[in-house]
Amino acid sequence: MTTDPHFIVNPAAAGGRAARWWKYAWPVLNKRLTGATFTLSDRQHPLADRLAAAVSAGHTEIVGVGGDGTHHDLVNAAVDHALTSAFTYTPLPLGSGNDWCRTLRVPRHILQWLEMLEKSTVIDHRVGKLTYGEGRERHFVNAAGLAYDAAVVRRCADSDYKHRLIYPVLTALHLPAFQPPRLTLDYNGTQVVGTFHTINIGLGRYKGGGMELLPQASPTADTLALTYATGVPLHRIVTNSWRFYTGSIGRVEGVTTCHARVISVSGPTGLEADGEYLGTTPVRAELIGQRLRVRCGLRP
């Protein structure tokens, strides 16, 4: 890192715990990064405005402090305002899930994060685009999910309890009553029609607080990773749930893992991206030309 970083902090991350954490973290960070600066987002100054102001002020090293939702909002702001080439982005994970940072090998502990910063690698991270509902658009850097994934994310958003275990807990709690929707999935000239428990699309390997649902994903690949489960009975899901955390989900009968450039889904179901509930189908997922320079712990 050749210039001093500017931190954009979302104090509402992790159910509000980020505000308290930042009071203790900033003195540690500022002692090691003496020229660093920071701003806090709030209702009058959302994350998008803070990013635009930072770039306008000449900051070329931006650190986003928060969870997957925080990074999701900052990346969307960068893409929407054509700012992706104006800075290098480093995530500092401070959320409930932090799944994107798992893929990027960015540690949460502040001292380990500082060590990573000194040895970090800059990658050209691909960015996905979702066109959904009545022509709405949203971008993502980790993963998007449909069917049960979207239902769980919606329940997580309504819960007052914010913890990385909330996703797997709600997944197990509501799975028996879930009715898989009948959908049509198109990719690579293949069409699959059936009842889907899950469809996951992304560039990151992890979702839901550590579940490795896209083990074949890469943030620099020229294709999106796709994992879907159709016609899988409940007992098979339960008995193979350990595979969600071992990168072997593709070995479950009825689950397919592959790659695709363009993925389309139609039928009645919801959509989430980077842990944020967005809306409903139809959905089209693809990569965009803009790339984001991301500083992380991945090795070349």
C-alpha atoms as a PDB file:
ATOM      1  CA  MET A   1       0.000   0.000   0.000  1.00  0.00           C
ATOM      2  CA  THR A   2       1.571   3.259  -1.174  1.00  0.00           C
ATOM      3  CA  THR A   3      -0.999   5.745   0.153  1.00  0.00           C
ATOM      4  CA  ASP A   4      -2.846   6.128   3.425  1.00  0.00           C
ATOM      5  CA  PRO A   5      -6.162   4.266   3.603  1.00  0.00           C
ATOM      6  CA  HIS A   6      -9.516   5.907   4.138  1.00  0.00           C
ATOM      7  CA  PHE A   7     -11.970   3.830   6.183  1.00  0.00           C
ATOM      8  CA  ILE A   8     -15.700   3.995   5.458  1.00  0.00           C
ATOM      9  CA  VAL A   9     -17.464   2.559   8.498  1.00  0.00           C
ATOM     10  CA  ASN A  10     -21.014   1.264   8.695  1.00  0.00           C
ATOM     11  CA  PRO A  11     -21.837   1.604  12.424  1.00  0.00           C
ATOM     12  CA  ALA A  12     -25.088  -0.331  11.925  1.00  0.00           C
ATOM     13  CA  ALA A  13     -23.266  -3.512  10.847  1.00  0.00           C
ATOM     14  CA  ALA A  14     -23.533  -6.635  13.011  1.00  0.00           C
ATOM     15  CA  GLY A  15     -26.766  -5.381  14.551  1.00  0.00           C
ATOM     16  CA  GLY A  16     -25.134  -2.160  15.729  1.00  0.00           C
ATOM     17  CA  ARG A  17     -22.123  -3.787  17.367  1.00  0.00           C
ATOM     18  CA  ALA A  18     -19.858  -2.189  14.769  1.00  0.00           C
ATOM     19  CA  ALA A  19     -20.253   1.242  16.371  1.00  0.00           C
ATOM     20  CA  ARG A  20     -18.964  -0.018  19.706  1.00  0.00           C
ATOM     21  CA  TRP A  21     -16.187  -2.052  18.085  1.00  0.00           C
ATOM     22  CA  TRP A  22     -14.932   0.900  16.081  1.00  0.00           C
ATOM     23  CA  LYS A  23     -14.282   2.971  19.225  1.00  0.00           C
ATOM     24  CA  TYR A  24     -11.704   0.397  20.299  1.00  0.00           C
ATOM     25  CA  ALA A  25     -10.385  -0.495  16.846  1.00  0.00           C
ATOM     26  CA  TRP A  26      -9.621   2.989  15.549  1.00  0.00           C
ATOM     27  CA  PRO A  27      -6.836   3.795  18.078  1.00  0.00           C
ATOM     28  CA  VAL A  28      -5.137   0.494  17.181  1.00  0.00           C
ATOM     29  CA  LEU A  29      -5.450   1.129  13.462  1.00  0.00           C
ATOM     30  CA  ASN A  30      -4.366   4.751  13.690  1.00  0.00           C
ATOM     31  CA  LYS A  31      -1.273   3.794  15.672  1.00  0.00           C
ATOM     32  CA  ARG A  32      -0.098   1.535  12.839  1.00  0.00           C
ATOM     33  CA  LEU A  33      -1.541   3.601   9.972  1.00  0.00           C
ATOM     34  CA  THR A  34      -0.772   7.092  11.196  1.00  0.00           C
ATOM     35  CA  GLY A  35      -2.029   8.858   8.083  1.00  0.00           C
ATOM     36  CA  ALA A  36      -5.316   6.972   7.876  1.00  0.00           C
ATOM     37  CA  THR A  37      -8.679   8.729   7.998  1.00  0.00           C
ATOM     38  CA  PHE A  38     -12.268   7.572   8.421  1.00  0.00           C
ATOM     39  CA  THR A  39     -15.895   8.553   8.028  1.00  0.00           C
ATOM     40  CA  LEU A  40     -19.053   6.999   9.446  1.00  0.00           C
ATOM     41  CA  SER A  41     -22.188   6.453   7.409  1.00  0.00           C
ATOM     42  CA  ASP A  42     -25.564   7.545   8.751  1.00  0.00           C
ATOM     43  CA  ARG A  43     -29.053   8.282   7.478  1.00  0.00           C
ATOM     44  CA  GLN A  44     -28.043  11.663   6.094  1.00  0.00           C
ATOM     45  CA  HIS A  45     -24.798  10.319   4.629  1.00  0.00           C
ATOM     46  CA  PRO A  46     -25.274   6.739   3.356  1.00  0.00           C
ATOM     47  CA  LEU A  47     -22.404   4.531   2.250  1.00  0.00           C
ATOM     48  CA  ALA A  48     -22.743   5.553  -1.405  1.00  0.00           C
ATOM     49  CA  ASP A  49     -22.353   9.242  -0.523  1.00  0.00           C
ATOM     50  CA  ARG A  50     -19.373   8.544   1.722  1.00  0.00           C
ATOM     51  CA  LEU A  51     -17.646   6.645  -1.085  1.00  0.00           C
ATOM     52  CA  ALA A  52     -18.272   9.367  -3.658  1.00  0.00           C
ATOM     53  CA  ALA A  53     -16.946  12.002  -1.265  1.00  0.00           C
ATOM     54  CA  ALA A  54     -13.833   9.952  -0.483  1.00  0.00           C
ATOM     55  CA  VAL A  55     -12.991   9.445  -4.158  1.00  0.00           C
ATOM     56  CA  SER A  56     -13.668  13.122  -4.874  1.00  0.00           C
ATOM     57  CA  ALA A  57     -11.233  14.013  -2.083  1.00  0.00           C
ATOM     58  CA  GLY A  58      -8.528  11.964  -3.805  1.00  0.00           C
ATOM     59  CA  HIS A  59      -8.478   8.807  -1.682  1.00  0.00           C
ATOM     60  CA  THR A  60      -7.253   5.863  -3.734  1.00  0.00           C
ATOM     61  CA  GLU A  61      -7.170   3.265  -0.935  1.00  0.00           C
ATOM     62  CA  ILE A  62     -10.646   2.628   0.463  1.00  0.00           C
ATOM     63  CA  VAL A  63     -11.384   0.253   3.345  1.00  0.00           C
ATOM     64  CA  GLY A  64     -14.995  -0.793   3.842  1.00  0.00           C
ATOM     65  CA  VAL A  65     -15.758  -1.652   7.471  1.00  0.00           C
ATOM     66  CA  GLY A  66     -18.815  -3.855   7.940  1.00  0.00           C
ATOM     67  CA  GLY A  67     -20.420  -7.081   6.826  1.00  0.00           C
ATOM     68  CA  ASP A  68     -21.375  -8.507   3.459  1.00  0.00           C
ATOM     69  CA  GLY A  69     -24.220  -6.006   3.147  1.00  0.00           C
ATOM     70  CA  THR A  70     -21.839  -3.079   3.665  1.00  0.00           C
ATOM     71  CA  HIS A  71     -19.458  -4.299   0.956  1.00  0.00           C
ATOM     72  CA  HIS A  72     -22.439  -5.011  -1.300  1.00  0.00           C
ATOM     73  CA  ASP A  73     -23.645  -1.408  -1.009  1.00  0.00           C
ATOM     74  CA  LEU A  74     -20.197   0.106  -1.525  1.00  0.00           C
ATOM     75  CA  VAL A  75     -19.484  -2.038  -4.596  1.00  0.00           C
ATOM     76  CA  ASN A  76     -22.860  -1.122  -6.090  1.00  0.00           C
ATOM     77  CA  ALA A  77     -22.107   2.550  -5.511  1.00  0.00           C
ATOM     78  CA  ALA A  78     -18.721   2.159  -7.225  1.00  0.00           C
ATOM     79  CA  VAL A  79     -20.251   0.420 -10.245  1.00  0.00           C
ATOM     80  CA  ASP A  80     -23.262   2.732 -10.536  1.00  0.00           C
ATOM     81  CA  HIS A  81     -21.045   5.833 -10.539  1.00  0.00           C
ATOM     82  CA  ALA A  82     -18.248   4.295 -12.674  1.00  0.00           C
ATOM     83  CA  LEU A  83     -15.720   4.586  -9.826  1.00  0.00           C
ATOM     84  CA  THR A  84     -14.291   1.058  -9.874  1.00  0.00           C
ATOM     85  CA  SER A  85     -11.043   2.186 -11.511  1.00  0.00           C
ATOM     86  CA  ALA A  86     -10.550   5.105  -9.119  1.00  0.00           C
ATOM     87  CA  PHE A  87      -9.474   3.187  -6.024  1.00  0.00           C
ATOM     88  CA  THR A  88      -8.349  -0.116  -4.529  1.00  0.00           C
ATOM     89  CA  TYR A  89     -10.811  -1.656  -2.095  1.00  0.00           C
ATOM     90  CA  THR A  90      -9.954  -3.560   1.074  1.00  0.00           C
ATOM     91  CA  PRO A  91     -12.730  -5.139   3.153  1.00  0.00           C
ATOM     92  CA  LEU A  92     -12.469  -5.171   6.929  1.00  0.00           C
ATOM     93  CA  PRO A  93     -15.016  -7.803   8.035  1.00  0.00           C
ATOM     94  CA  LEU A  94     -17.328  -6.711  10.802  1.00  0.00           C
ATOM     95  CA  GLY A  95     -20.680  -8.323  10.133  1.00  0.00           C
ATOM     96  CA  SER A  96     -22.688 -11.389  11.013  1.00  0.00           C
ATOM     97  CA  GLY A  97     -21.657 -13.584   8.087  1.00  0.00           C
ATOM     98  CA  ASN A  98     -18.491 -12.151   6.483  1.00  0.00           C
ATOM     99  CA  ASP A  99     -18.673 -14.782   3.746  1.00  0.00           C
ATOM    100  CA  TRP A 100     -17.032 -12.701   1.029  1.00  0.00           C
ATOM    101  CA  CYS A 101     -13.999 -12.189   3.253  1.00  0.00           C
ATOM    102  CA  ARG A 102     -13.737 -15.940   3.828  1.00  0.00           C
ATOM    103  CA  THR A 103     -13.178 -16.461   0.126  1.00  0.00           C
ATOM    104  CA  LEU A 104     -10.672 -13.587   0.028  1.00  0.00           C
ATOM    105  CA  ARG A 105      -8.867 -14.855   3.149  1.00  0.00           C
ATOM    106  CA  VAL A 106      -9.299 -11.567   4.942  1.00  0.00           C
ATOM    107  CA  PRO A 107      -9.102 -12.124   8.720  1.00  0.00           C
ATOM    108  CA  ARG A 108     -11.486 -10.489  11.166  1.00  0.00           C
ATOM    109  CA  HIS A 109      -9.054 -10.038  14.064  1.00  0.00           C
ATOM    110  CA  ILE A 110      -7.640  -6.519  13.814  1.00  0.00           C
ATOM    111  CA  LEU A 111      -3.973  -7.419  14.360  1.00  0.00           C
ATOM    112  CA  GLN A 112      -4.169 -10.276  11.858  1.00  0.00           C
ATOM    113  CA  TRP A 113      -5.906  -7.917   9.438  1.00  0.00           C
ATOM    114  CA  LEU A 114      -3.039  -5.437   9.752  1.00  0.00           C
ATOM    115  CA  GLU A 115      -0.554  -8.238   9.045  1.00  0.00           C
ATOM    116  CA  MET A 116      -2.548  -9.191   5.965  1.00  0.00           C
ATOM    117  CA  LEU A 117      -2.502  -5.575   4.818  1.00  0.00           C
ATOM    118  CA  GLU A 118       1.296  -5.575   4.845  1.00  0.00           C
ATOM    119  CA  LYS A 119       1.489  -8.765   2.750  1.00  0.00           C
ATOM    120  CA  SER A 120      -1.688  -8.333   0.735  1.00  0.00           C
ATOM    121  CA  THR A 121      -2.292  -9.177  -2.895  1.00  0.00           C
ATOM    122  CA  VAL A 122      -4.370  -7.007  -5.237  1.00  0.00           C
ATOM    123  CA  ILE A 123      -6.684  -8.951  -7.523  1.00  0.00           C
ATOM    124  CA  ASP A 124      -8.955  -7.838 -10.352  1.00  0.00           C
ATOM    125  CA  HIS A 125     -12.240  -8.984  -8.879  1.00  0.00           C
ATOM    126  CA  ARG A 126     -15.109  -9.741 -11.266  1.00  0.00           C
ATOM    127  CA  VAL A 127     -18.526  -8.212 -10.605  1.00  0.00           C
ATOM    128  CA  GLY A 128     -21.835  -9.909 -11.272  1.00  0.00           C
ATOM    129  CA  LYS A 129     -25.034  -8.236 -12.410  1.00  0.00           C
ATOM    130  CA  LEU A 130     -28.575  -9.313 -11.606  1.00  0.00           C
ATOM    131  CA  THR A 131     -31.530  -8.160 -13.670  1.00  0.00           C
ATOM    132  CA  TYR A 132     -34.702  -9.151 -11.860  1.00  0.00           C
ATOM    133  CA  GLY A 133     -38.378  -8.480 -11.368  1.00  0.00           C
ATOM    134  CA  GLU A 134     -39.616  -5.651 -13.576  1.00  0.00           C
ATOM    135  CA  GLY A 135     -36.190  -4.802 -14.987  1.00  0.00           C
ATOM    136  CA  ARG A 136     -34.435  -3.814 -11.766  1.00  0.00           C
ATOM    137  CA  GLU A 137     -30.640  -4.197 -11.582  1.00  0.00           C
ATOM    138  CA  ARG A 138     -28.208  -4.928  -8.759  1.00  0.00           C
ATOM    139  CA  HIS A 139     -24.561  -5.965  -8.681  1.00  0.00           C
ATOM    140  CA  PHE A 140     -22.836  -8.483  -6.437  1.00  0.00           C
ATOM    141  CA  VAL A 141     -19.323  -9.692  -5.622  1.00  0.00           C
ATOM    142  CA  ASN A 142     -19.970 -12.750  -3.476  1.00  0.00           C
ATOM    143  CA  ALA A 143     -23.084 -14.757  -4.285  1.00  0.00           C
ATOM    144  CA  ALA A 144     -26.774 -14.646  -5.082  1.00  0.00           C
ATOM    145  CA  GLY A 145     -29.382 -17.197  -4.081  1.00  0.00           C
ATOM    146  CA  LEU A 146     -32.916 -18.185  -5.007  1.00  0.00           C
ATOM    147  CA  ALA A 147     -35.606 -20.494  -3.591  1.00  0.00           C
ATOM    148  CA  TYR A 148     -34.808 -21.499   0.009  1.00  0.00           C
ATOM    149  CA  ASP A 149     -31.754 -19.223   0.213  1.00  0.00           C
ATOM    150  CA  ALA A 150     -33.877 -16.154  -0.477  1.00  0.00           C
ATOM    151  CA  ALA A 151     -36.526 -17.280   2.011  1.00  0.00           C
ATOM    152  CA  VAL A 152     -33.942 -17.666   4.786  1.00  0.00           C
ATOM    153  CA  VAL A 153     -32.312 -14.300   4.037  1.00  0.00           C
ATOM    154  CA  ARG A 154     -35.713 -12.648   4.255  1.00  0.00           C
ATOM    155  CA  ARG A 155     -36.297 -14.249   7.656  1.00  0.00           C
ATOM    156  CA  CYS A 156     -32.821 -13.159   8.799  1.00  0.00           C
ATOM    157  CA  ALA A 157     -33.623  -9.562   7.863  1.00  0.00           C
ATOM    158  CA  ASP A 158     -36.761  -9.694  10.024  1.00  0.00           C
ATOM    159  CA  SER A 159     -34.897 -11.128  13.017  1.00  0.00           C
ATOM    160  CA  ASP A 160     -33.572  -8.905  15.805  1.00  0.00           C
ATOM    161  CA  TYR A 161     -30.816 -11.429  16.496  1.00  0.00           C
ATOM    162  CA  LYS A 162     -27.697 -10.769  14.410  1.00  0.00           C
ATOM    163  CA  HIS A 163     -25.066 -13.510  14.539  1.00  0.00           C
ATOM    164  CA  ARG A 164     -23.261 -15.683  12.019  1.00  0.00           C
ATOM    165  CA  LEU A 165     -25.234 -18.711  13.288  1.00  0.00           C
ATOM    166  CA  ILE A 166     -28.626 -17.153  12.547  1.00  0.00           C
ATOM    167  CA  TYR A 167     -28.564 -18.349   8.933  1.00  0.00           C
ATOM    168  CA  PRO A 168     -27.855 -22.045   9.618  1.00  0.00           C
ATOM    169  CA  VAL A 169     -30.272 -22.004  12.575  1.00  0.00           C
ATOM    170  CA  LEU A 170     -33.112 -20.609  10.471  1.00  0.00           C
ATOM    171  CA  THR A 171     -32.150 -22.949   7.637  1.00  0.00           C
ATOM    172  CA  ALA A 172     -32.644 -25.984   9.857  1.00  0.00           C
ATOM    173  CA  LEU A 173     -35.701 -24.592  11.613  1.00  0.00           C
ATOM    174  CA  HIS A 174     -37.823 -23.834   8.571  1.00  0.00           C
ATOM    175  CA  LEU A 175     -36.564 -26.431   6.075  1.00  0.00           C
ATOM    176  CA  PRO A 176     -39.180 -29.132   6.877  1.00  0.00           C
ATOM    177  CA  ALA A 177     -42.081 -26.787   6.025  1.00  0.00           C
ATOM    178  CA  PHE A 178     -40.507 -25.322   2.890  1.00  0.00           C
ATOM    179  CA  GLN A 179     -42.278 -26.068  -0.374  1.00  0.00           C
ATOM    180  CA  PRO A 180     -39.719 -26.018  -3.229  1.00  0.00           C
ATOM    181  CA  PRO A 181     -40.978 -23.813  -6.070  1.00  0.00           C
ATOM    182  CA  ARG A 182     -41.300 -25.100  -9.619  1.00  0.00           C
ATOM    183  CA  LEU A 183     -38.793 -23.122 -11.698  1.00  0.00           C
ATOM    184  CA  THR A 184     -37.105 -23.056 -15.069  1.00  0.00           C
ATOM    185  CA  LEU A 185     -33.316 -22.687 -15.053  1.00  0.00           C
ATOM    186  CA  ASP A 186     -31.402 -21.902 -18.274  1.00  0.00           C
ATOM    187  CA  TYR A 187     -27.594 -21.894 -18.614  1.00  0.00           C
ATOM    188  CA  ASN A 188     -25.019 -22.928 -21.236  1.00  0.00           C
ATOM    189  CA  GLY A 189     -27.733 -24.081 -23.615  1.00  0.00           C
ATOM    190  CA  THR A 190     -29.197 -26.334 -20.905  1.00  0.00           C
ATOM    191  CA  GLN A 191     -32.726 -25.980 -19.557  1.00  0.00           C
ATOM    192  CA  VAL A 192     -33.803 -27.592 -16.286  1.00  0.00           C
ATOM    193  CA  VAL A 193     -37.448 -27.573 -15.244  1.00  0.00           C
ATOM    194  CA  GLY A 194     -38.404 -28.882 -11.820  1.00  0.00           C
ATOM    195  CA  THR A 195     -38.810 -28.156  -8.120  1.00  0.00           C
ATOM    196  CA  PHE A 196     -35.710 -26.431  -6.746  1.00  0.00           C
ATOM    197  CA  HIS A 197     -34.617 -26.305  -3.129  1.00  0.00           C
ATOM    198  CA  THR A 198     -31.791 -23.941  -3.967  1.00  0.00           C
ATOM    199  CA  ILE A 199     -30.037 -22.105  -6.767  1.00  0.00           C
ATOM    200  CA  ASN A 200     -26.748 -20.393  -5.924  1.00  0.00           C
ATOM    201  CA  ILE A 201     -24.823 -18.151  -8.315  1.00  0.00           C
ATOM    202  CA  GLY A 202     -21.571 -16.425  -7.536  1.00  0.00           C
ATOM    203  CA  LEU A 203     -17.914 -15.536  -7.423  1.00  0.00           C
ATOM    204  CA  GLY A 204     -17.352 -16.434  -3.779  1.00  0.00           C
ATOM    205  CA  ARG A 205     -17.253 -19.917  -2.273  1.00  0.00           C
ATOM    206  CA  TYR A 206     -19.153 -19.215   0.957  1.00  0.00           C
ATOM    207  CA  LYS A 207     -22.670 -18.219   1.987  1.00  0.00           C
ATOM    208  CA  GLY A 208     -24.804 -18.210   5.112  1.00  0.00           C
ATOM    209  CA  GLY A 209     -22.053 -17.727   7.679  1.00  0.00           C
ATOM    210  CA  GLY A 210     -19.542 -20.261   6.394  1.00  0.00           C
ATOM    211  CA  MET A 211     -21.470 -22.778   4.277  1.00  0.00           C
ATOM    212  CA  GLU A 212     -19.365 -23.658   1.218  1.00  0.00           C
ATOM    213  CA  LEU A 213     -22.196 -23.788  -1.308  1.00  0.00           C
ATOM    214  CA  LEU A 214     -20.102 -22.684  -4.303  1.00  0.00           C
ATOM    215  CA  PRO A 215     -16.807 -24.551  -3.840  1.00  0.00           C
ATOM    216  CA  GLN A 216     -15.997 -24.166  -7.553  1.00  0.00           C
ATOM    217  CA  ALA A 217     -16.237 -20.350  -7.485  1.00  0.00           C
ATOM    218  CA  SER A 218     -13.368 -17.924  -8.118  1.00  0.00           C
ATOM    219  CA  PRO A 219     -13.505 -14.111  -7.762  1.00  0.00           C
ATOM    220  CA  THR A 220     -11.315 -13.637 -10.854  1.00  0.00           C
ATOM    221  CA  ALA A 221     -12.972 -16.192 -13.160  1.00  0.00           C
ATOM    222  CA  ASP A 222     -14.600 -15.301 -16.463  1.00  0.00           C
ATOM    223  CA  THR A 223     -17.645 -17.373 -15.575  1.00  0.00           C
ATOM    224  CA  LEU A 224     -20.110 -17.510 -12.695  1.00  0.00           C
ATOM    225  CA  ALA A 225     -20.229 -20.554 -10.447  1.00  0.00           C
ATOM    226  CA  LEU A 226     -23.633 -22.267 -10.344  1.00  0.00           C
ATOM    227  CA  THR A 227     -24.908 -24.765  -7.773  1.00  0.00           C
ATOM    228  CA  TYR A 228     -28.478 -26.000  -7.800  1.00  0.00           C
ATOM    229  CA  ALA A 229     -30.524 -28.743  -6.175  1.00  0.00           C
ATOM    230  CA  THR A 230     -33.662 -30.077  -7.822  1.00  0.00           C
ATOM    231  CA  GLY A 231     -35.882 -32.964  -6.796  1.00  0.00           C
ATOM    232  CA  VAL A 232     -33.855 -33.625  -3.620  1.00  0.00           C
ATOM    233  CA  PRO A 233     -35.914 -35.188  -0.795  1.00  0.00           C
ATOM    234  CA  LEU A 234     -35.705 -33.682   2.673  1.00  0.00           C
ATOM    235  CA  HIS A 235     -34.029 -36.715   4.260  1.00  0.00           C
ATOM    236  CA  ARG A 236     -31.179 -36.511   1.740  1.00  0.00           C
ATOM    237  CA  ILE A 237     -30.623 -32.833   2.527  1.00  0.00           C
ATOM    238  CA  VAL A 238     -30.533 -33.503   6.268  1.00  0.00           C
ATOM    239  CA  THR A 239     -28.184 -36.496   6.093  1.00  0.00           C
ATOM    240  CA  ASN A 240     -25.775 -34.603   3.815  1.00  0.00           C
ATOM    241  CA  SER A 241     -25.894 -31.256   5.626  1.00  0.00           C
ATOM    242  CA  TRP A 242     -22.286 -31.735   6.771  1.00  0.00           C
ATOM    243  CA  ARG A 243     -21.245 -31.407   3.135  1.00  0.00           C
ATOM    244  CA  PHE A 244     -22.379 -27.768   3.206  1.00  0.00           C
ATOM    245  CA  TYR A 245     -19.234 -27.010   5.225  1.00  0.00           C
ATOM    246  CA  THR A 246     -16.681 -29.264   3.504  1.00  0.00           C
ATOM    247  CA  GLY A 247     -16.827 -28.162  -0.130  1.00  0.00           C
ATOM    248  CA  SER A 248     -18.358 -31.483  -1.180  1.00  0.00           C
ATOM    249  CA  ILE A 249     -21.960 -30.388  -1.793  1.00  0.00           C
ATOM    250  CA  GLY A 250     -21.620 -31.458  -5.429  1.00  0.00           C
ATOM    251  CA  ARG A 251     -21.414 -35.105  -4.342  1.00  0.00           C
ATOM    252  CA  VAL A 252     -25.029 -35.091  -3.142  1.00  0.00           C
ATOM    253  CA  GLU A 253     -27.389 -36.836  -5.566  1.00  0.00           C
ATOM    254  CA  GLY A 254     -29.600 -34.198  -7.182  1.00  0.00           C
ATOM    255  CA  VAL A 255     -27.088 -31.372  -6.714  1.00  0.00           C
ATOM    256  CA  THR A 256     -25.226 -29.942  -9.718  1.00  0.00           C
ATOM    257  CA  THR A 257     -22.132 -27.725  -9.568  1.00  0.00           C
ATOM    258  CA  CYS A 258     -20.876 -26.057 -12.753  1.00  0.00           C
ATOM    259  CA  HIS A 259     -19.976 -22.726 -14.381  1.00  0.00           C
ATOM    260  CA  ALA A 260     -21.915 -20.476 -16.762  1.00  0.00           C
ATOM    261  CA  ARG A 261     -21.620 -17.074 -18.405  1.00  0.00           C
ATOM    262  CA  VAL A 262     -25.330 -16.253 -18.351  1.00  0.00           C
ATOM    263  CA  ILE A 263     -27.921 -17.799 -16.033  1.00  0.00           C
ATOM    264  CA  SER A 264     -31.674 -17.228 -16.217  1.00  0.00           C
ATOM    265  CA  VAL A 265     -34.370 -18.316 -13.770  1.00  0.00           C
ATOM    266  CA  SER A 266     -38.124 -17.968 -14.190  1.00  0.00           C
ATOM    267  CA  GLY A 267     -40.966 -19.062 -11.960  1.00  0.00           C
ATOM    268  CA  PRO A 268     -42.295 -17.883  -8.585  1.00  0.00           C
ATOM    269  CA  THR A 269     -39.463 -17.404  -6.086  1.00  0.00           C
ATOM    270  CA  GLY A 270     -37.394 -14.764  -4.292  1.00  0.00           C
ATOM    271  CA  LEU A 271     -33.850 -13.480  -4.849  1.00  0.00           C
ATOM    272  CA  GLU A 272     -31.060 -12.430  -2.493  1.00  0.00           C
ATOM    273  CA  ALA A 273     -27.530 -11.213  -3.159  1.00  0.00           C
ATOM    274  CA  ASP A 274     -24.631 -10.905  -0.724  1.00  0.00           C
ATOM    275  CA  GLY A 275     -27.072 -11.619   2.088  1.00  0.00           C
ATOM    276  CA  GLU A 276     -29.509  -8.851   1.098  1.00  0.00           C
ATOM    277  CA  TYR A 277     -33.049  -9.711   0.007  1.00  0.00           C
ATOM    278  CA  LEU A 278     -33.724  -8.025  -3.355  1.00  0.00           C
ATOM    279  CA  GLY A 279     -37.027  -9.150  -4.836  1.00  0.00           C
ATOM    280  CA  THR A 280     -38.483 -11.798  -7.090  1.00  0.00           C
ATOM    281  CA  THR A 281     -38.016 -13.541 -10.421  1.00  0.00           C
ATOM    282  CA  PRO A 282     -37.515 -13.543 -13.333  1.00  0.00           C
ATOM    283  CA  VAL A 283     -33.751 -13.286 -12.832  1.00  0.00           C
ATOM    284  CA  ARG A 284     -30.832 -13.013 -15.258  1.00  0.00           C
ATOM    285  CA  ALA A 285     -27.264 -13.220 -13.887  1.00  0.00           C
ATOM    286  CA  GLU A 286     -24.103 -12.342 -15.800  1.00  0.00           C
ATOM    287  CA  LEU A 287     -20.704 -10.679 -15.409  1.00  0.00           C
ATOM    288  CA  ILE A 288     -20.035  -7.051 -16.303  1.00  0.00           C
ATOM    289  CA  GLY A 289     -16.950  -5.544 -17.903  1.00  0.00           C
ATOM    290  CA  GLN A 290     -15.970  -3.411 -14.910  1.00  0.00           C
ATOM    291  CA  ARG A 291     -13.632  -5.036 -12.409  1.00  0.00           C
ATOM    292  CA  LEU A 292     -12.833  -3.976  -8.878  1.00  0.00           C
ATOM    293  CA  ARG A 293      -9.266  -3.924  -7.568  1.00  0.00           C
ATOM    294  CA  VAL A 294      -9.471  -5.713  -4.228  1.00  0.00           C
ATOM    295  CA  ARG A 295      -6.692  -6.019  -1.656  1.00  0.00           C
ATOM    296  CA  CYS A 296      -6.918  -9.353   0.119  1.00  0.00           C
ATOM    297  CA  GLY A 297      -5.093 -12.369   1.545  1.00  0.00           C
ATOM    298  CA  LEU A 298      -5.280 -14.570  -1.547  1.00  0.00           C
ATOM    299  CA  ARG A 299      -1.957 -15.657  -2.950  1.00  0.00           C
ATOM    300  CA  PRO A 300      -1.253 -15.411  -6.713  1.00  0.00           C
END
